[in-house]
Amino acid sequence: ASDALLTSASGTHAACLAESALAMILAFTRGIRDSILAQPKHEWAIRQIRPKLVELTGSTMGIIGLGRVGRALAKRAAAFDMRVIAVDAYPGNKPESVEELWNLDGLDELLKQSDYIVVTVPRTPETIGMIGTEQIALMKPTTILVGISRGGIIDQEALASTLREDQIAAAATDAAKPEALPP
């Protein structure tokens, strides 16, 4: 017998991570990022920003990894009247908020259909580099890619190249490799 108490924090951050992912998307689609960048320059940039505003209603969110975080995100995306599709290594029961749930064989289809893609899978030997040049090439030019799990799942070099070449609209992530990034 041991006096050690083992606990798990699994799932405790599902709501805040789901909300962070949506906040990242809204920063681009509602002009928040552009407005903040214009503010210190004392620019009233509404004429430049307004044409870029996009409503989430009717768009498709693709969630890669439908664990607790993915499910929390799906529920919130459905509240925005988004169509939600997802892939997971172990799909299980499909929540009401998700229209389609596939195993990982459906990843390419998810990448092709989605307007917003959020990566929530854990970092494992199987998921490192899961989103690279080939996968990004399947995305629409208007796609916004969000990474909220761990660094290394999205290939940073491929993502940087993709963004420089305007192959997708935008990306936001709170994960990097290495974590934390050097100055």
Protein backbone atom coordinates (compact mmCIF):
# COMPACT_ATOMS: atom_id res chain seq x y z
CA ALA A 1 0.00 0.00 0.00
CA SER A 2 1.12 3.51 -0.71
CA ASP A 3 0.34 6.87 0.85
CA ALA A 4 0.44 8.48 -2.61
CA LEU A 5 -2.78 9.88 -3.98
CA LEU A 6 -3.01 9.78 -7.78
CA THR A 7 -5.31 12.21 -9.54
CA SER A 8 -6.01 13.33 -13.07
CA ALA A 9 -6.87 16.78 -14.37
CA SER A 10 -8.15 15.31 -17.65
CA GLY A 11 -11.04 17.33 -19.02
CA THR A 12 -10.86 20.10 -16.40
CA HIS A 13 -9.89 22.67 -19.02
CA ALA A 14 -12.39 21.63 -21.70
CA ALA A 15 -14.64 24.69 -21.42
CA CYS A 16 -11.85 27.26 -21.31
CA LEU A 17 -9.97 25.66 -24.23
CA ALA A 18 -13.16 25.48 -26.29
CA GLU A 19 -13.86 29.14 -25.56
CA SER A 20 -10.26 30.07 -26.42
CA ALA A 21 -10.56 28.33 -29.79
CA LEU A 22 -13.74 30.25 -30.57
CA ALA A 23 -12.14 33.50 -29.40
CA MET A 24 -9.26 32.93 -31.81
CA ILE A 25 -11.71 32.39 -34.65
CA LEU A 26 -13.77 35.44 -33.69
CA ALA A 27 -10.62 37.59 -33.52
CA PHE A 28 -10.28 37.07 -37.28
CA THR A 29 -13.92 36.81 -38.42
CA ARG A 30 -15.24 39.80 -36.47
CA GLY A 31 -12.32 42.15 -37.19
CA ILE A 32 -11.09 42.21 -33.60
CA ARG A 33 -7.46 41.51 -34.50
CA ASP A 34 -7.40 44.15 -37.25
CA SER A 35 -9.08 46.71 -34.99
CA ILE A 36 -6.54 46.16 -32.22
CA LEU A 37 -3.67 46.53 -34.71
CA ALA A 38 -5.16 49.79 -36.06
CA GLN A 39 -5.82 51.31 -32.62
CA PRO A 40 -2.25 52.25 -31.60
CA LYS A 41 -1.82 53.92 -34.99
CA HIS A 42 -4.98 55.97 -34.26
CA GLU A 43 -6.54 54.65 -37.47
CA TRP A 44 -10.27 54.33 -38.01
CA ALA A 45 -10.06 51.29 -40.26
CA ILE A 46 -13.72 50.31 -40.56
CA ARG A 47 -13.68 50.64 -44.38
CA GLN A 48 -10.84 48.12 -44.58
CA ILE A 49 -12.19 45.83 -41.87
CA ARG A 50 -15.93 45.67 -42.68
CA PRO A 51 -15.55 43.80 -46.01
CA LYS A 52 -13.56 41.08 -44.23
CA LEU A 53 -16.19 40.38 -41.56
CA VAL A 54 -17.61 36.88 -41.72
CA GLU A 55 -20.52 35.28 -39.86
CA LEU A 56 -20.04 31.83 -38.41
CA THR A 57 -23.67 30.86 -39.04
CA GLY A 58 -23.91 28.19 -41.72
CA SER A 59 -20.17 27.59 -41.89
CA THR A 60 -18.49 24.25 -41.15
CA MET A 61 -16.24 23.60 -38.19
CA GLY A 62 -14.01 20.55 -38.39
CA ILE A 63 -12.75 19.23 -35.07
CA ILE A 64 -9.75 16.92 -35.06
CA GLY A 65 -10.04 14.97 -31.81
CA LEU A 66 -13.46 14.66 -30.20
CA GLY A 67 -12.48 14.12 -26.58
CA ARG A 68 -13.71 16.38 -23.80
CA VAL A 69 -12.27 19.53 -25.35
CA GLY A 70 -13.57 18.66 -28.82
CA ARG A 71 -17.03 17.91 -27.46
CA ALA A 72 -17.12 21.18 -25.51
CA LEU A 73 -16.11 23.01 -28.67
CA ALA A 74 -18.73 21.20 -30.78
CA LYS A 75 -21.45 22.25 -28.36
CA ARG A 76 -20.37 25.90 -28.55
CA ALA A 77 -19.98 25.85 -32.34
CA ALA A 78 -23.50 24.43 -32.68
CA ALA A 79 -24.74 27.37 -30.58
CA PHE A 80 -23.35 29.61 -33.36
CA ASP A 81 -25.44 27.58 -35.85
CA MET A 82 -22.33 26.06 -37.36
CA ARG A 83 -22.29 22.64 -38.98
CA VAL A 84 -19.86 20.51 -36.98
CA ILE A 85 -17.92 17.54 -38.34
CA ALA A 86 -15.23 15.65 -36.48
CA VAL A 87 -12.67 12.88 -36.61
CA ASP A 88 -11.34 10.87 -33.70
CA ALA A 89 -9.13 7.82 -33.27
CA TYR A 90 -11.91 6.24 -31.18
CA PRO A 91 -15.13 7.88 -32.43
CA GLY A 92 -17.59 6.40 -29.93
CA ASN A 93 -21.08 7.90 -29.67
CA LYS A 94 -21.77 10.94 -31.83
CA PRO A 95 -22.96 13.93 -29.76
CA GLU A 96 -26.11 15.72 -30.92
CA SER A 97 -24.03 18.84 -31.72
CA VAL A 98 -21.96 16.92 -34.31
CA GLU A 99 -23.40 16.19 -37.76
CA GLU A 100 -20.71 13.74 -38.88
CA LEU A 101 -18.18 11.79 -36.80
CA TRP A 102 -15.57 9.70 -38.59
CA ASN A 103 -12.51 7.75 -37.54
CA LEU A 104 -9.14 9.20 -38.60
CA ASP A 105 -9.64 7.83 -42.14
CA GLY A 106 -12.05 10.77 -42.59
CA LEU A 107 -9.38 13.41 -41.93
CA ASP A 108 -8.89 14.35 -45.58
CA GLU A 109 -12.63 14.84 -46.07
CA LEU A 110 -12.84 16.98 -42.91
CA LEU A 111 -9.95 19.14 -44.15
CA LYS A 112 -11.66 19.66 -47.54
CA GLN A 113 -15.09 20.54 -46.11
CA SER A 114 -14.21 22.74 -43.14
CA ASP A 115 -14.14 26.52 -42.98
CA TYR A 116 -12.61 26.39 -39.50
CA ILE A 117 -10.41 23.53 -38.33
CA VAL A 118 -9.53 23.07 -34.67
CA VAL A 119 -6.90 20.55 -33.59
CA THR A 120 -7.57 19.16 -30.10
CA VAL A 121 -5.81 15.78 -30.21
CA PRO A 122 -3.22 14.90 -27.57
CA ARG A 123 0.43 14.76 -28.63
CA THR A 124 1.36 11.11 -29.11
CA PRO A 125 3.82 9.40 -31.47
CA GLU A 126 0.87 8.96 -33.89
CA THR A 127 -0.21 12.63 -33.85
CA ILE A 128 3.20 14.35 -34.13
CA GLY A 129 3.25 16.07 -37.53
CA MET A 130 -0.37 15.03 -38.16
CA ILE A 131 -1.08 18.35 -39.90
CA GLY A 132 1.64 19.04 -42.45
CA THR A 133 2.07 20.26 -46.00
CA GLU A 134 -0.16 17.55 -47.55
CA GLN A 135 -3.01 18.14 -45.09
CA ILE A 136 -2.85 21.93 -45.32
CA ALA A 137 -2.96 21.68 -49.14
CA LEU A 138 -6.41 20.04 -48.82
CA MET A 139 -7.83 23.06 -46.97
CA LYS A 140 -9.85 25.82 -48.60
CA PRO A 141 -8.03 29.13 -49.20
CA THR A 142 -10.54 30.69 -46.76
CA THR A 143 -9.85 28.20 -43.95
CA ILE A 144 -8.79 29.31 -40.49
CA LEU A 145 -6.71 26.69 -38.66
CA VAL A 146 -6.58 26.68 -34.85
CA GLY A 147 -4.31 24.54 -32.71
CA ILE A 148 -5.18 24.26 -29.01
CA SER A 149 -3.53 21.03 -27.95
CA ARG A 150 0.26 20.63 -27.97
CA GLY A 151 3.16 21.73 -30.14
CA GLY A 152 4.41 19.42 -32.86
CA ILE A 153 0.99 18.19 -34.03
CA ILE A 154 0.78 21.00 -36.58
CA ASP A 155 4.06 21.22 -38.52
CA GLN A 156 5.11 24.82 -37.78
CA GLU A 157 7.39 25.15 -40.80
CA ALA A 158 4.68 23.92 -43.16
CA LEU A 159 2.16 26.26 -41.53
CA ALA A 160 4.49 29.28 -41.78
CA SER A 161 5.14 28.55 -45.45
CA THR A 162 1.43 28.11 -46.10
CA LEU A 163 0.60 31.44 -44.47
CA ARG A 164 3.37 33.29 -46.36
CA GLU A 165 1.94 31.89 -49.62
CA ASP A 166 -1.68 32.76 -48.65
CA GLN A 167 -2.80 29.14 -49.10
CA ILE A 168 -5.16 29.47 -46.12
CA ALA A 169 -6.73 32.59 -44.62
CA ALA A 170 -5.27 32.50 -41.11
CA ALA A 171 -4.00 30.40 -38.25
CA ALA A 172 -3.97 30.76 -34.49
CA THR A 173 -2.35 28.52 -31.94
CA ASP A 174 -1.51 28.45 -28.28
CA ALA A 175 0.91 25.55 -28.76
CA ALA A 176 4.41 25.49 -30.20
CA LYS A 177 7.41 23.24 -30.47
CA PRO A 178 9.41 23.77 -28.39
CA GLU A 179 7.17 24.99 -25.60
CA ALA A 180 7.91 27.72 -24.68
CA LEU A 181 9.35 29.30 -27.79
CA PRO A 182 12.78 30.89 -27.46
CA PRO A 183 12.84 34.72 -27.44
